[in-house]
Amino acid sequence: MAHPVDVHVGKRVRHRRWLTGMTQQQLAEQVGIKFQQIQKYETGANRVSASRLWDIAEALDVPVSFFFEGLDEKEKEAAEKTAVPVDLMGDKEALDLVRSYYSIPENQRRRLFELARVLSDVA
């Protein structure tokens, strides 16, 4: 079973890679490993060594500490059992939705936002 910290670090790697528009293959090439290893890191199946995490941080242009941000917050949120997923920005569907939302012209975006607000009030 994967350690929760390994899973968190992997999600942060995936999140940052995805936000930069980089594929697993591209990240793997920059770090000097195979893309399958990136997949294993991102799922938490394999632990990322300190030196490899350093290389990944450089490739993704973030400090190493980025990958550990939110660990305490994540545990608190999970304990509160909110309706919103603990790692909302680690959820690919949520990120796709945000990207799509911001690609809509602003006037239509406001109308869509109001529609979503009305629908959530009804539910």
PDB file of N, CA and C in Angstrom:
ATOM      1  N   MET A   1       0.843  -1.184   0.000  1.00  0.00           N
ATOM      2  CA  MET A   1       0.000   0.000   0.000  1.00  0.00           C
ATOM      3  C   MET A   1       0.885   1.244   0.000  1.00  0.00           C
ATOM      4  N   ALA A   2       0.535   2.211  -0.819  1.00  0.00           N
ATOM      5  CA  ALA A   2       1.331   3.431  -0.954  1.00  0.00           C
ATOM      6  C   ALA A   2       1.198   4.308   0.290  1.00  0.00           C
ATOM      7  N   HIS A   3       2.280   4.931   0.665  1.00  0.00           N
ATOM      8  CA  HIS A   3       2.284   5.861   1.797  1.00  0.00           C
ATOM      9  C   HIS A   3       1.553   7.133   1.375  1.00  0.00           C
ATOM     10  N   PRO A   4       0.737   7.717   2.266  1.00  0.00           N
ATOM     11  CA  PRO A   4      -0.014   8.924   1.908  1.00  0.00           C
ATOM     12  C   PRO A   4       0.864  10.082   1.429  1.00  0.00           C
ATOM     13  N   VAL A   5       2.064  10.198   1.948  1.00  0.00           N
ATOM     14  CA  VAL A   5       2.958  11.280   1.502  1.00  0.00           C
ATOM     15  C   VAL A   5       3.400  11.034   0.063  1.00  0.00           C
ATOM     16  N   ASP A   6       3.691   9.788  -0.284  1.00  0.00           N
ATOM     17  CA  ASP A   6       4.079   9.455  -1.657  1.00  0.00           C
ATOM     18  C   ASP A   6       2.938   9.752  -2.625  1.00  0.00           C
ATOM     19  N   VAL A   7       1.723   9.446  -2.213  1.00  0.00           N
ATOM     20  CA  VAL A   7       0.547   9.718  -3.049  1.00  0.00           C
ATOM     21  C   VAL A   7       0.383  11.222  -3.220  1.00  0.00           C
ATOM     22  N   HIS A   8       0.540  11.977  -2.127  1.00  0.00           N
ATOM     23  CA  HIS A   8       0.403  13.444  -2.187  1.00  0.00           C
ATOM     24  C   HIS A   8       1.464  14.047  -3.115  1.00  0.00           C
ATOM     25  N   VAL A   9       2.701  13.634  -2.961  1.00  0.00           N
ATOM     26  CA  VAL A   9       3.783  14.146  -3.811  1.00  0.00           C
ATOM     27  C   VAL A   9       3.493  13.810  -5.267  1.00  0.00           C
ATOM     28  N   GLY A  10       3.048  12.598  -5.528  1.00  0.00           N
ATOM     29  CA  GLY A  10       2.720  12.196  -6.895  1.00  0.00           C
ATOM     30  C   GLY A  10       1.603  13.037  -7.493  1.00  0.00           C
ATOM     31  N   LYS A  11       0.594  13.332  -6.688  1.00  0.00           N
ATOM     32  CA  LYS A  11      -0.501  14.181  -7.176  1.00  0.00           C
ATOM     33  C   LYS A  11      -0.011  15.579  -7.491  1.00  0.00           C
ATOM     34  N   ARG A  12       0.910  16.080  -6.665  1.00  0.00           N
ATOM     35  CA  ARG A  12       1.443  17.418  -6.904  1.00  0.00           C
ATOM     36  C   ARG A  12       2.305  17.432  -8.171  1.00  0.00           C
ATOM     37  N   VAL A  13       3.041  16.356  -8.423  1.00  0.00           N
ATOM     38  CA  VAL A  13       3.820  16.250  -9.670  1.00  0.00           C
ATOM     39  C   VAL A  13       2.860  16.282 -10.853  1.00  0.00           C
ATOM     40  N   ARG A  14       1.818  15.443 -10.806  1.00  0.00           N
ATOM     41  CA  ARG A  14       0.841  15.385 -11.896  1.00  0.00           C
ATOM     42  C   ARG A  14       0.154  16.738 -12.089  1.00  0.00           C
ATOM     43  N   HIS A  15      -0.233  17.352 -10.989  1.00  0.00           N
ATOM     44  CA  HIS A  15      -0.918  18.646 -11.047  1.00  0.00           C
ATOM     45  C   HIS A  15      -0.050  19.699 -11.728  1.00  0.00           C
ATOM     46  N   ARG A  16       1.189  19.813 -11.311  1.00  0.00           N
ATOM     47  CA  ARG A  16       2.082  20.821 -11.887  1.00  0.00           C
ATOM     48  C   ARG A  16       2.395  20.503 -13.350  1.00  0.00           C
ATOM     49  N   ARG A  17       2.637  19.230 -13.631  1.00  0.00           N
ATOM     50  CA  ARG A  17       2.926  18.827 -15.017  1.00  0.00           C
ATOM     51  C   ARG A  17       1.750  19.173 -15.906  1.00  0.00           C
ATOM     52  N   TRP A  18       0.566  18.874 -15.430  1.00  0.00           N
ATOM     53  CA  TRP A  18      -0.636  19.124 -16.220  1.00  0.00           C
ATOM     54  C   TRP A  18      -0.859  20.620 -16.432  1.00  0.00           C
ATOM     55  N   LEU A  19      -0.645  21.415 -15.367  1.00  0.00           N
ATOM     56  CA  LEU A  19      -0.837  22.860 -15.486  1.00  0.00           C
ATOM     57  C   LEU A  19       0.137  23.491 -16.481  1.00  0.00           C
ATOM     58  N   THR A  20       1.318  22.935 -16.587  1.00  0.00           N
ATOM     59  CA  THR A  20       2.293  23.480 -17.526  1.00  0.00           C
ATOM     60  C   THR A  20       2.075  22.949 -18.942  1.00  0.00           C
ATOM     61  N   GLY A  21       1.149  22.000 -19.086  1.00  0.00           N
ATOM     62  CA  GLY A  21       0.868  21.439 -20.405  1.00  0.00           C
ATOM     63  C   GLY A  21       1.895  20.425 -20.864  1.00  0.00           C
ATOM     64  N   MET A  22       2.656  19.891 -19.933  1.00  0.00           N
ATOM     65  CA  MET A  22       3.714  18.941 -20.257  1.00  0.00           C
ATOM     66  C   MET A  22       3.155  17.514 -20.192  1.00  0.00           C
ATOM     67  N   THR A  23       3.572  16.681 -21.115  1.00  0.00           N
ATOM     68  CA  THR A  23       3.160  15.275 -21.083  1.00  0.00           C
ATOM     69  C   THR A  23       4.100  14.501 -20.158  1.00  0.00           C
ATOM     70  N   GLN A  24       3.686  13.289 -19.795  1.00  0.00           N
ATOM     71  CA  GLN A  24       4.562  12.431 -19.000  1.00  0.00           C
ATOM     72  C   GLN A  24       5.844  12.133 -19.760  1.00  0.00           C
ATOM     73  N   GLN A  25       5.721  11.939 -21.056  1.00  0.00           N
ATOM     74  CA  GLN A  25       6.893  11.654 -21.895  1.00  0.00           C
ATOM     75  C   GLN A  25       7.871  12.828 -21.869  1.00  0.00           C
ATOM     76  N   GLN A  26       7.359  14.043 -22.008  1.00  0.00           N
ATOM     77  CA  GLN A  26       8.227  15.223 -22.009  1.00  0.00           C
ATOM     78  C   GLN A  26       8.947  15.381 -20.671  1.00  0.00           C
ATOM     79  N   LEU A  27       8.213  15.187 -19.573  1.00  0.00           N
ATOM     80  CA  LEU A  27       8.836  15.294 -18.260  1.00  0.00           C
ATOM     81  C   LEU A  27       9.893  14.207 -18.088  1.00  0.00           C
ATOM     82  N   ALA A  28       9.552  13.004 -18.497  1.00  0.00           N
ATOM     83  CA  ALA A  28      10.498  11.886 -18.378  1.00  0.00           C
ATOM     84  C   ALA A  28      11.782  12.175 -19.153  1.00  0.00           C
ATOM     85  N   GLU A  29      11.659  12.717 -20.354  1.00  0.00           N
ATOM     86  CA  GLU A  29      12.843  13.036 -21.156  1.00  0.00           C
ATOM     87  C   GLU A  29      13.703  14.093 -20.473  1.00  0.00           C
ATOM     88  N   GLN A  30      13.069  15.105 -19.886  1.00  0.00           N
ATOM     89  CA  GLN A  30      13.836  16.159 -19.207  1.00  0.00           C
ATOM     90  C   GLN A  30      14.559  15.620 -17.979  1.00  0.00           C
ATOM     91  N   VAL A  31      13.947  14.646 -17.315  1.00  0.00           N
ATOM     92  CA  VAL A  31      14.522  14.091 -16.089  1.00  0.00           C
ATOM     93  C   VAL A  31      15.481  12.944 -16.395  1.00  0.00           C
ATOM     94  N   GLY A  32      15.345  12.341 -17.585  1.00  0.00           N
ATOM     95  CA  GLY A  32      16.240  11.248 -17.964  1.00  0.00           C
ATOM     96  C   GLY A  32      15.761   9.879 -17.543  1.00  0.00           C
ATOM     97  N   ILE A  33      14.435   9.682 -17.523  1.00  0.00           N
ATOM     98  CA  ILE A  33      13.859   8.387 -17.170  1.00  0.00           C
ATOM     99  C   ILE A  33      12.761   8.047 -18.178  1.00  0.00           C
ATOM    100  N   LYS A  34      12.156   6.878 -18.022  1.00  0.00           N
ATOM    101  CA  LYS A  34      11.059   6.470 -18.907  1.00  0.00           C
ATOM    102  C   LYS A  34       9.730   7.022 -18.376  1.00  0.00           C
ATOM    103  N   PHE A  35       8.782   7.253 -19.290  1.00  0.00           N
ATOM    104  CA  PHE A  35       7.517   7.845 -18.879  1.00  0.00           C
ATOM    105  C   PHE A  35       6.747   6.941 -17.914  1.00  0.00           C
ATOM    106  N   GLN A  36       6.969   5.629 -17.992  1.00  0.00           N
ATOM    107  CA  GLN A  36       6.288   4.707 -17.080  1.00  0.00           C
ATOM    108  C   GLN A  36       6.661   5.001 -15.629  1.00  0.00           C
ATOM    109  N   GLN A  37       7.911   5.448 -15.441  1.00  0.00           N
ATOM    110  CA  GLN A  37       8.343   5.780 -14.084  1.00  0.00           C
ATOM    111  C   GLN A  37       7.603   7.019 -13.583  1.00  0.00           C
ATOM    112  N   ILE A  38       7.384   7.978 -14.473  1.00  0.00           N
ATOM    113  CA  ILE A  38       6.601   9.164 -14.098  1.00  0.00           C
ATOM    114  C   ILE A  38       5.198   8.740 -13.691  1.00  0.00           C
ATOM    115  N   GLN A  39       4.610   7.801 -14.450  1.00  0.00           N
ATOM    116  CA  GLN A  39       3.275   7.288 -14.103  1.00  0.00           C
ATOM    117  C   GLN A  39       3.277   6.702 -12.696  1.00  0.00           C
ATOM    118  N   LYS A  40       4.287   5.938 -12.380  1.00  0.00           N
ATOM    119  CA  LYS A  40       4.370   5.304 -11.059  1.00  0.00           C
ATOM    120  C   LYS A  40       4.548   6.343  -9.963  1.00  0.00           C
ATOM    121  N   TYR A  41       5.336   7.380 -10.229  1.00  0.00           N
ATOM    122  CA  TYR A  41       5.488   8.462  -9.252  1.00  0.00           C
ATOM    123  C   TYR A  41       4.158   9.171  -9.022  1.00  0.00           C
ATOM    124  N   GLU A  42       3.462   9.453 -10.120  1.00  0.00           N
ATOM    125  CA  GLU A  42       2.225  10.223 -10.022  1.00  0.00           C
ATOM    126  C   GLU A  42       1.111   9.477  -9.289  1.00  0.00           C
ATOM    127  N   THR A  43       1.121   8.175  -9.324  1.00  0.00           N
ATOM    128  CA  THR A  43       0.111   7.397  -8.601  1.00  0.00           C
ATOM    129  C   THR A  43       0.545   7.080  -7.177  1.00  0.00           C
ATOM    130  N   GLY A  44       1.804   7.344  -6.871  1.00  0.00           N
ATOM    131  CA  GLY A  44       2.316   7.016  -5.546  1.00  0.00           C
ATOM    132  C   GLY A  44       2.750   5.572  -5.441  1.00  0.00           C
ATOM    133  N   ALA A  45       2.713   4.841  -6.554  1.00  0.00           N
ATOM    134  CA  ALA A  45       3.124   3.439  -6.548  1.00  0.00           C
ATOM    135  C   ALA A  45       4.613   3.310  -6.247  1.00  0.00           C
ATOM    136  N   ASN A  46       5.407   4.261  -6.740  1.00  0.00           N
ATOM    137  CA  ASN A  46       6.845   4.298  -6.454  1.00  0.00           C
ATOM    138  C   ASN A  46       7.178   5.593  -5.741  1.00  0.00           C
ATOM    139  N   ARG A  47       8.088   5.500  -4.796  1.00  0.00           N
ATOM    140  CA  ARG A  47       8.555   6.685  -4.100  1.00  0.00           C
ATOM    141  C   ARG A  47       9.553   7.429  -4.970  1.00  0.00           C
ATOM    142  N   VAL A  48       9.542   8.744  -4.840  1.00  0.00           N
ATOM    143  CA  VAL A  48      10.478   9.585  -5.585  1.00  0.00           C
ATOM    144  C   VAL A  48      11.665   9.859  -4.673  1.00  0.00           C
ATOM    145  N   SER A  49      12.869   9.534  -5.145  1.00  0.00           N
ATOM    146  CA  SER A  49      14.060   9.811  -4.338  1.00  0.00           C
ATOM    147  C   SER A  49      14.276  11.325  -4.280  1.00  0.00           C
ATOM    148  N   ALA A  50      15.065  11.758  -3.315  1.00  0.00           N
ATOM    149  CA  ALA A  50      15.340  13.188  -3.142  1.00  0.00           C
ATOM    150  C   ALA A  50      15.983  13.781  -4.392  1.00  0.00           C
ATOM    151  N   SER A  51      16.948  13.081  -4.958  1.00  0.00           N
ATOM    152  CA  SER A  51      17.635  13.617  -6.140  1.00  0.00           C
ATOM    153  C   SER A  51      16.705  13.662  -7.357  1.00  0.00           C
ATOM    154  N   ARG A  52      15.856  12.660  -7.487  1.00  0.00           N
ATOM    155  CA  ARG A  52      14.910  12.649  -8.599  1.00  0.00           C
ATOM    156  C   ARG A  52      13.864  13.746  -8.411  1.00  0.00           C
ATOM    157  N   LEU A  53      13.425  13.974  -7.178  1.00  0.00           N
ATOM    158  CA  LEU A  53      12.454  15.035  -6.913  1.00  0.00           C
ATOM    159  C   LEU A  53      13.068  16.391  -7.228  1.00  0.00           C
ATOM    160  N   TRP A  54      14.343  16.525  -6.948  1.00  0.00           N
ATOM    161  CA  TRP A  54      15.063  17.750  -7.300  1.00  0.00           C
ATOM    162  C   TRP A  54      15.034  17.982  -8.810  1.00  0.00           C
ATOM    163  N   ASP A  55      15.320  16.924  -9.565  1.00  0.00           N
ATOM    164  CA  ASP A  55      15.302  17.016 -11.030  1.00  0.00           C
ATOM    165  C   ASP A  55      13.903  17.348 -11.556  1.00  0.00           C
ATOM    166  N   ILE A  56      12.895  16.723 -10.968  1.00  0.00           N
ATOM    167  CA  ILE A  56      11.512  16.975 -11.390  1.00  0.00           C
ATOM    168  C   ILE A  56      11.130  18.421 -11.078  1.00  0.00           C
ATOM    169  N   ALA A  57      11.532  18.907  -9.913  1.00  0.00           N
ATOM    170  CA  ALA A  57      11.233  20.295  -9.537  1.00  0.00           C
ATOM    171  C   ALA A  57      11.869  21.267 -10.523  1.00  0.00           C
ATOM    172  N   GLU A  58      13.097  20.995 -10.931  1.00  0.00           N
ATOM    173  CA  GLU A  58      13.762  21.863 -11.912  1.00  0.00           C
ATOM    174  C   GLU A  58      13.042  21.813 -13.257  1.00  0.00           C
ATOM    175  N   ALA A  59      12.642  20.620 -13.677  1.00  0.00           N
ATOM    176  CA  ALA A  59      11.959  20.471 -14.969  1.00  0.00           C
ATOM    177  C   ALA A  59      10.602  21.175 -14.963  1.00  0.00           C
ATOM    178  N   LEU A  60       9.935  21.192 -13.803  1.00  0.00           N
ATOM    179  CA  LEU A  60       8.614  21.803 -13.688  1.00  0.00           C
ATOM    180  C   LEU A  60       8.680  23.246 -13.180  1.00  0.00           C
ATOM    181  N   ASP A  61       9.892  23.722 -12.946  1.00  0.00           N
ATOM    182  CA  ASP A  61      10.128  25.107 -12.535  1.00  0.00           C
ATOM    183  C   ASP A  61       9.400  25.476 -11.239  1.00  0.00           C
ATOM    184  N   VAL A  62       9.557  24.621 -10.228  1.00  0.00           N
ATOM    185  CA  VAL A  62       9.005  24.888  -8.899  1.00  0.00           C
ATOM    186  C   VAL A  62      10.047  24.490  -7.859  1.00  0.00           C
ATOM    187  N   PRO A  63       9.947  25.058  -6.641  1.00  0.00           N
ATOM    188  CA  PRO A  63      10.844  24.597  -5.586  1.00  0.00           C
ATOM    189  C   PRO A  63      10.424  23.197  -5.120  1.00  0.00           C
ATOM    190  N   VAL A  64      11.330  22.444  -4.558  1.00  0.00           N
ATOM    191  CA  VAL A  64      11.025  21.094  -4.077  1.00  0.00           C
ATOM    192  C   VAL A  64       9.894  21.141  -3.050  1.00  0.00           C
ATOM    193  N   SER A  65       9.845  22.186  -2.261  1.00  0.00           N
ATOM    194  CA  SER A  65       8.804  22.311  -1.232  1.00  0.00           C
ATOM    195  C   SER A  65       7.395  22.313  -1.817  1.00  0.00           C
ATOM    196  N   PHE A  66       7.256  22.685  -3.090  1.00  0.00           N
ATOM    197  CA  PHE A  66       5.950  22.695  -3.756  1.00  0.00           C
ATOM    198  C   PHE A  66       5.248  21.352  -3.623  1.00  0.00           C
ATOM    199  N   PHE A  67       5.997  20.275  -3.720  1.00  0.00           N
ATOM    200  CA  PHE A  67       5.412  18.946  -3.727  1.00  0.00           C
ATOM    201  C   PHE A  67       4.876  18.517  -2.360  1.00  0.00           C
ATOM    202  N   PHE A  68       5.261  19.240  -1.305  1.00  0.00           N
ATOM    203  CA  PHE A  68       4.805  18.903   0.038  1.00  0.00           C
ATOM    204  C   PHE A  68       3.749  19.871   0.560  1.00  0.00           C
ATOM    205  N   GLU A  69       3.482  20.905  -0.206  1.00  0.00           N
ATOM    206  CA  GLU A  69       2.485  21.886   0.223  1.00  0.00           C
ATOM    207  C   GLU A  69       1.124  21.225   0.358  1.00  0.00           C
ATOM    208  N   GLY A  70       0.417  21.603   1.410  1.00  0.00           N
ATOM    209  CA  GLY A  70      -0.943  21.130   1.609  1.00  0.00           C
ATOM    210  C   GLY A  70      -1.083  19.809   2.330  1.00  0.00           C
ATOM    211  N   LEU A  71       0.020  19.211   2.777  1.00  0.00           N
ATOM    212  CA  LEU A  71      -0.089  17.932   3.475  1.00  0.00           C
ATOM    213  C   LEU A  71      -0.919  18.065   4.752  1.00  0.00           C
ATOM    214  N   ASP A  72      -0.637  19.037   5.585  1.00  0.00           N
ATOM    215  CA  ASP A  72      -1.403  19.230   6.819  1.00  0.00           C
ATOM    216  C   ASP A  72      -2.832  19.637   6.513  1.00  0.00           C
ATOM    217  N   GLU A  73      -3.003  20.534   5.560  1.00  0.00           N
ATOM    218  CA  GLU A  73      -4.333  20.990   5.176  1.00  0.00           C
ATOM    219  C   GLU A  73      -5.168  19.834   4.653  1.00  0.00           C
ATOM    220  N   LYS A  74      -4.545  18.966   3.886  1.00  0.00           N
ATOM    221  CA  LYS A  74      -5.259  17.822   3.303  1.00  0.00           C
ATOM    222  C   LYS A  74      -5.830  16.946   4.407  1.00  0.00           C
ATOM    223  N   GLU A  75      -5.042  16.688   5.446  1.00  0.00           N
ATOM    224  CA  GLU A  75      -5.509  15.852   6.546  1.00  0.00           C
ATOM    225  C   GLU A  75      -6.659  16.519   7.290  1.00  0.00           C
ATOM    226  N   LYS A  76      -6.573  17.837   7.499  1.00  0.00           N
ATOM    227  CA  LYS A  76      -7.647  18.570   8.181  1.00  0.00           C
ATOM    228  C   LYS A  76      -8.925  18.520   7.365  1.00  0.00           C
ATOM    229  N   GLU A  77      -8.812  18.754   6.071  1.00  0.00           N
ATOM    230  CA  GLU A  77      -9.990  18.748   5.207  1.00  0.00           C
ATOM    231  C   GLU A  77     -10.636  17.372   5.176  1.00  0.00           C
ATOM    232  N   ALA A  78      -9.829  16.340   5.137  1.00  0.00           N
ATOM    233  CA  ALA A  78     -10.375  14.983   5.109  1.00  0.00           C
ATOM    234  C   ALA A  78     -11.134  14.693   6.394  1.00  0.00           C
ATOM    235  N   ALA A  79     -10.628  15.195   7.496  1.00  0.00           N
ATOM    236  CA  ALA A  79     -11.281  14.986   8.778  1.00  0.00           C
ATOM    237  C   ALA A  79     -12.619  15.705   8.849  1.00  0.00           C
ATOM    238  N   GLU A  80     -12.705  16.849   8.200  1.00  0.00           N
ATOM    239  CA  GLU A  80     -13.953  17.614   8.203  1.00  0.00           C
ATOM    240  C   GLU A  80     -14.998  17.009   7.273  1.00  0.00           C
ATOM    241  N   LYS A  81     -14.568  16.145   6.347  1.00  0.00           N
ATOM    242  CA  LYS A  81     -15.466  15.464   5.410  1.00  0.00           C
ATOM    243  C   LYS A  81     -16.358  16.456   4.661  1.00  0.00           C
ATOM    244  N   THR A  82     -15.728  17.402   3.989  1.00  0.00           N
ATOM    245  CA  THR A  82     -16.471  18.364   3.193  1.00  0.00           C
ATOM    246  C   THR A  82     -17.014  17.698   1.940  1.00  0.00           C
ATOM    247  N   ALA A  83     -17.973  18.341   1.290  1.00  0.00           N
ATOM    248  CA  ALA A  83     -18.554  17.815   0.067  1.00  0.00           C
ATOM    249  C   ALA A  83     -17.598  17.955  -1.116  1.00  0.00           C
ATOM    250  N   VAL A  84     -16.633  18.867  -1.010  1.00  0.00           N
ATOM    251  CA  VAL A  84     -15.670  19.105  -2.076  1.00  0.00           C
ATOM    252  C   VAL A  84     -14.507  18.136  -1.903  1.00  0.00           C
ATOM    253  N   PRO A  85     -14.033  17.495  -2.975  1.00  0.00           N
ATOM    254  CA  PRO A  85     -12.889  16.585  -2.853  1.00  0.00           C
ATOM    255  C   PRO A  85     -11.685  17.265  -2.200  1.00  0.00           C
ATOM    256  N   VAL A  86     -10.937  16.503  -1.407  1.00  0.00           N
ATOM    257  CA  VAL A  86      -9.791  17.046  -0.688  1.00  0.00           C
ATOM    258  C   VAL A  86      -8.776  17.659  -1.640  1.00  0.00           C
ATOM    259  N   ASP A  87      -8.477  16.971  -2.723  1.00  0.00           N
ATOM    260  CA  ASP A  87      -7.487  17.452  -3.674  1.00  0.00           C
ATOM    261  C   ASP A  87      -8.195  17.861  -4.962  1.00  0.00           C
ATOM    262  N   LEU A  88      -9.009  18.899  -4.869  1.00  0.00           N
ATOM    263  CA  LEU A  88      -9.814  19.337  -6.011  1.00  0.00           C
ATOM    264  C   LEU A  88      -8.954  19.625  -7.229  1.00  0.00           C
ATOM    265  N   MET A  89      -7.824  20.315  -7.038  1.00  0.00           N
ATOM    266  CA  MET A  89      -6.989  20.663  -8.177  1.00  0.00           C
ATOM    267  C   MET A  89      -6.146  19.486  -8.654  1.00  0.00           C
ATOM    268  N   GLY A  90      -6.188  18.383  -7.946  1.00  0.00           N
ATOM    269  CA  GLY A  90      -5.526  17.167  -8.402  1.00  0.00           C
ATOM    270  C   GLY A  90      -6.473  16.294  -9.210  1.00  0.00           C
ATOM    271  N   ASP A  91      -7.739  16.715  -9.284  1.00  0.00           N
ATOM    272  CA  ASP A  91      -8.766  15.985 -10.011  1.00  0.00           C
ATOM    273  C   ASP A  91      -8.757  16.443 -11.471  1.00  0.00           C
ATOM    274  N   LYS A  92      -8.421  15.539 -12.382  1.00  0.00           N
ATOM    275  CA  LYS A  92      -8.303  15.905 -13.799  1.00  0.00           C
ATOM    276  C   LYS A  92      -9.597  16.498 -14.341  1.00  0.00           C
ATOM    277  N   GLU A  93     -10.725  15.930 -13.959  1.00  0.00           N
ATOM    278  CA  GLU A  93     -12.010  16.447 -14.437  1.00  0.00           C
ATOM    279  C   GLU A  93     -12.217  17.898 -13.991  1.00  0.00           C
ATOM    280  N   ALA A  94     -11.866  18.197 -12.746  1.00  0.00           N
ATOM    281  CA  ALA A  94     -12.014  19.567 -12.244  1.00  0.00           C
ATOM    282  C   ALA A  94     -11.092  20.521 -13.001  1.00  0.00           C
ATOM    283  N   LEU A  95      -9.867  20.088 -13.260  1.00  0.00           N
ATOM    284  CA  LEU A  95      -8.925  20.935 -13.999  1.00  0.00           C
ATOM    285  C   LEU A  95      -9.382  21.144 -15.440  1.00  0.00           C
ATOM    286  N   ASP A  96      -9.927  20.102 -16.058  1.00  0.00           N
ATOM    287  CA  ASP A  96     -10.468  20.240 -17.414  1.00  0.00           C
ATOM    288  C   ASP A  96     -11.614  21.245 -17.424  1.00  0.00           C
ATOM    289  N   LEU A  97     -12.452  21.162 -16.400  1.00  0.00           N
ATOM    290  CA  LEU A  97     -13.585  22.079 -16.293  1.00  0.00           C
ATOM    291  C   LEU A  97     -13.111  23.523 -16.136  1.00  0.00           C
ATOM    292  N   VAL A  98     -12.103  23.745 -15.300  1.00  0.00           N
ATOM    293  CA  VAL A  98     -11.570  25.097 -15.093  1.00  0.00           C
ATOM    294  C   VAL A  98     -10.956  25.633 -16.387  1.00  0.00           C
ATOM    295  N   ARG A  99     -10.185  24.805 -17.071  1.00  0.00           N
ATOM    296  CA  ARG A  99      -9.589  25.240 -18.335  1.00  0.00           C
ATOM    297  C   ARG A  99     -10.659  25.595 -19.364  1.00  0.00           C
ATOM    298  N   SER A 100     -11.673  24.743 -19.466  1.00  0.00           N
ATOM    299  CA  SER A 100     -12.758  25.001 -20.410  1.00  0.00           C
ATOM    300  C   SER A 100     -13.511  26.268 -20.036  1.00  0.00           C
ATOM    301  N   TYR A 101     -13.764  26.445 -18.758  1.00  0.00           N
ATOM    302  CA  TYR A 101     -14.484  27.616 -18.268  1.00  0.00           C
ATOM    303  C   TYR A 101     -13.771  28.901 -18.679  1.00  0.00           C
ATOM    304  N   TYR A 102     -12.461  28.942 -18.497  1.00  0.00           N
ATOM    305  CA  TYR A 102     -11.717  30.157 -18.822  1.00  0.00           C
ATOM    306  C   TYR A 102     -11.475  30.345 -20.322  1.00  0.00           C
ATOM    307  N   SER A 103     -11.812  29.344 -21.114  1.00  0.00           N
ATOM    308  CA  SER A 103     -11.692  29.519 -22.563  1.00  0.00           C
ATOM    309  C   SER A 103     -12.970  30.120 -23.156  1.00  0.00           C
ATOM    310  N   ILE A 104     -14.021  30.217 -22.345  1.00  0.00           N
ATOM    311  CA  ILE A 104     -15.290  30.801 -22.780  1.00  0.00           C
ATOM    312  C   ILE A 104     -15.186  32.327 -22.676  1.00  0.00           C
ATOM    313  N   PRO A 105     -15.746  33.069 -23.643  1.00  0.00           N
ATOM    314  CA  PRO A 105     -15.736  34.536 -23.550  1.00  0.00           C
ATOM    315  C   PRO A 105     -16.366  35.005 -22.230  1.00  0.00           C
ATOM    316  N   GLU A 106     -15.852  36.108 -21.704  1.00  0.00           N
ATOM    317  CA  GLU A 106     -16.221  36.551 -20.352  1.00  0.00           C
ATOM    318  C   GLU A 106     -17.726  36.731 -20.140  1.00  0.00           C
ATOM    319  N   ASN A 107     -18.432  37.347 -21.097  1.00  0.00           N
ATOM    320  CA  ASN A 107     -19.865  37.570 -20.893  1.00  0.00           C
ATOM    321  C   ASN A 107     -20.630  36.241 -20.808  1.00  0.00           C
ATOM    322  N   GLN A 108     -20.242  35.274 -21.616  1.00  0.00           N
ATOM    323  CA  GLN A 108     -20.878  33.959 -21.563  1.00  0.00           C
ATOM    324  C   GLN A 108     -20.459  33.205 -20.309  1.00  0.00           C
ATOM    325  N   ARG A 109     -19.234  33.432 -19.874  1.00  0.00           N
ATOM    326  CA  ARG A 109     -18.722  32.787 -18.666  1.00  0.00           C
ATOM    327  C   ARG A 109     -19.535  33.218 -17.446  1.00  0.00           C
ATOM    328  N   ARG A 110     -19.848  34.509 -17.356  1.00  0.00           N
ATOM    329  CA  ARG A 110     -20.653  35.007 -16.238  1.00  0.00           C
ATOM    330  C   ARG A 110     -22.030  34.359 -16.236  1.00  0.00           C
ATOM    331  N   ARG A 111     -22.612  34.218 -17.416  1.00  0.00           N
ATOM    332  CA  ARG A 111     -23.935  33.608 -17.508  1.00  0.00           C
ATOM    333  C   ARG A 111     -23.878  32.130 -17.110  1.00  0.00           C
ATOM    334  N   LEU A 112     -22.825  31.443 -17.522  1.00  0.00           N
ATOM    335  CA  LEU A 112     -22.657  30.044 -17.142  1.00  0.00           C
ATOM    336  C   LEU A 112     -22.485  29.911 -15.634  1.00  0.00           C
ATOM    337  N   PHE A 113     -21.736  30.827 -15.043  1.00  0.00           N
ATOM    338  CA  PHE A 113     -21.523  30.818 -13.601  1.00  0.00           C
ATOM    339  C   PHE A 113     -22.853  30.989 -12.866  1.00  0.00           C
ATOM    340  N   GLU A 114     -23.666  31.915 -13.316  1.00  0.00           N
ATOM    341  CA  GLU A 114     -24.977  32.133 -12.689  1.00  0.00           C
ATOM    342  C   GLU A 114     -25.864  30.900 -12.829  1.00  0.00           C
ATOM    343  N   LEU A 115     -25.829  30.254 -13.995  1.00  0.00           N
ATOM    344  CA  LEU A 115     -26.596  29.039 -14.207  1.00  0.00           C
ATOM    345  C   LEU A 115     -26.144  27.945 -13.216  1.00  0.00           C
ATOM    346  N   ALA A 116     -24.842  27.789 -13.078  1.00  0.00           N
ATOM    347  CA  ALA A 116     -24.311  26.784 -12.145  1.00  0.00           C
ATOM    348  C   ALA A 116     -24.732  27.100 -10.716  1.00  0.00           C
ATOM    349  N   ARG A 117     -24.717  28.367 -10.362  1.00  0.00           N
ATOM    350  CA  ARG A 117     -25.129  28.768  -9.004  1.00  0.00           C
ATOM    351  C   ARG A 117     -26.604  28.416  -8.778  1.00  0.00           C
ATOM    352  N   VAL A 118     -27.454  28.707  -9.752  1.00  0.00           N
ATOM    353  CA  VAL A 118     -28.890  28.395  -9.626  1.00  0.00           C
ATOM    354  C   VAL A 118     -29.089  26.886  -9.520  1.00  0.00           C
ATOM    355  N   LEU A 119     -28.398  26.128 -10.363  1.00  0.00           N
ATOM    356  CA  LEU A 119     -28.551  24.682 -10.336  1.00  0.00           C
ATOM    357  C   LEU A 119     -28.076  24.087  -9.010  1.00  0.00           C
ATOM    358  N   SER A 120     -27.014  24.636  -8.447  1.00  0.00           N
ATOM    359  CA  SER A 120     -26.520  24.095  -7.165  1.00  0.00           C
ATOM    360  C   SER A 120     -27.466  24.441  -6.026  1.00  0.00           C
ATOM    361  N   ASP A 121     -28.186  25.559  -6.118  1.00  0.00           N
ATOM    362  CA  ASP A 121     -29.163  25.919  -5.096  1.00  0.00           C
ATOM    363  C   ASP A 121     -30.372  24.994  -5.127  1.00  0.00           C
ATOM    364  N   VAL A 122     -30.722  24.528  -6.337  1.00  0.00           N
ATOM    365  CA  VAL A 122     -31.871  23.648  -6.506  1.00  0.00           C
ATOM    366  C   VAL A 122     -31.569  22.242  -5.968  1.00  0.00           C
ATOM    367  N   ALA A 123     -30.342  21.807  -6.153  1.00  0.00           N
ATOM    368  CA  ALA A 123     -29.965  20.437  -5.771  1.00  0.00           C
ATOM    369  C   ALA A 123     -30.008  20.184  -4.283  1.00  0.00           C
TER     370      ALA A 123
END
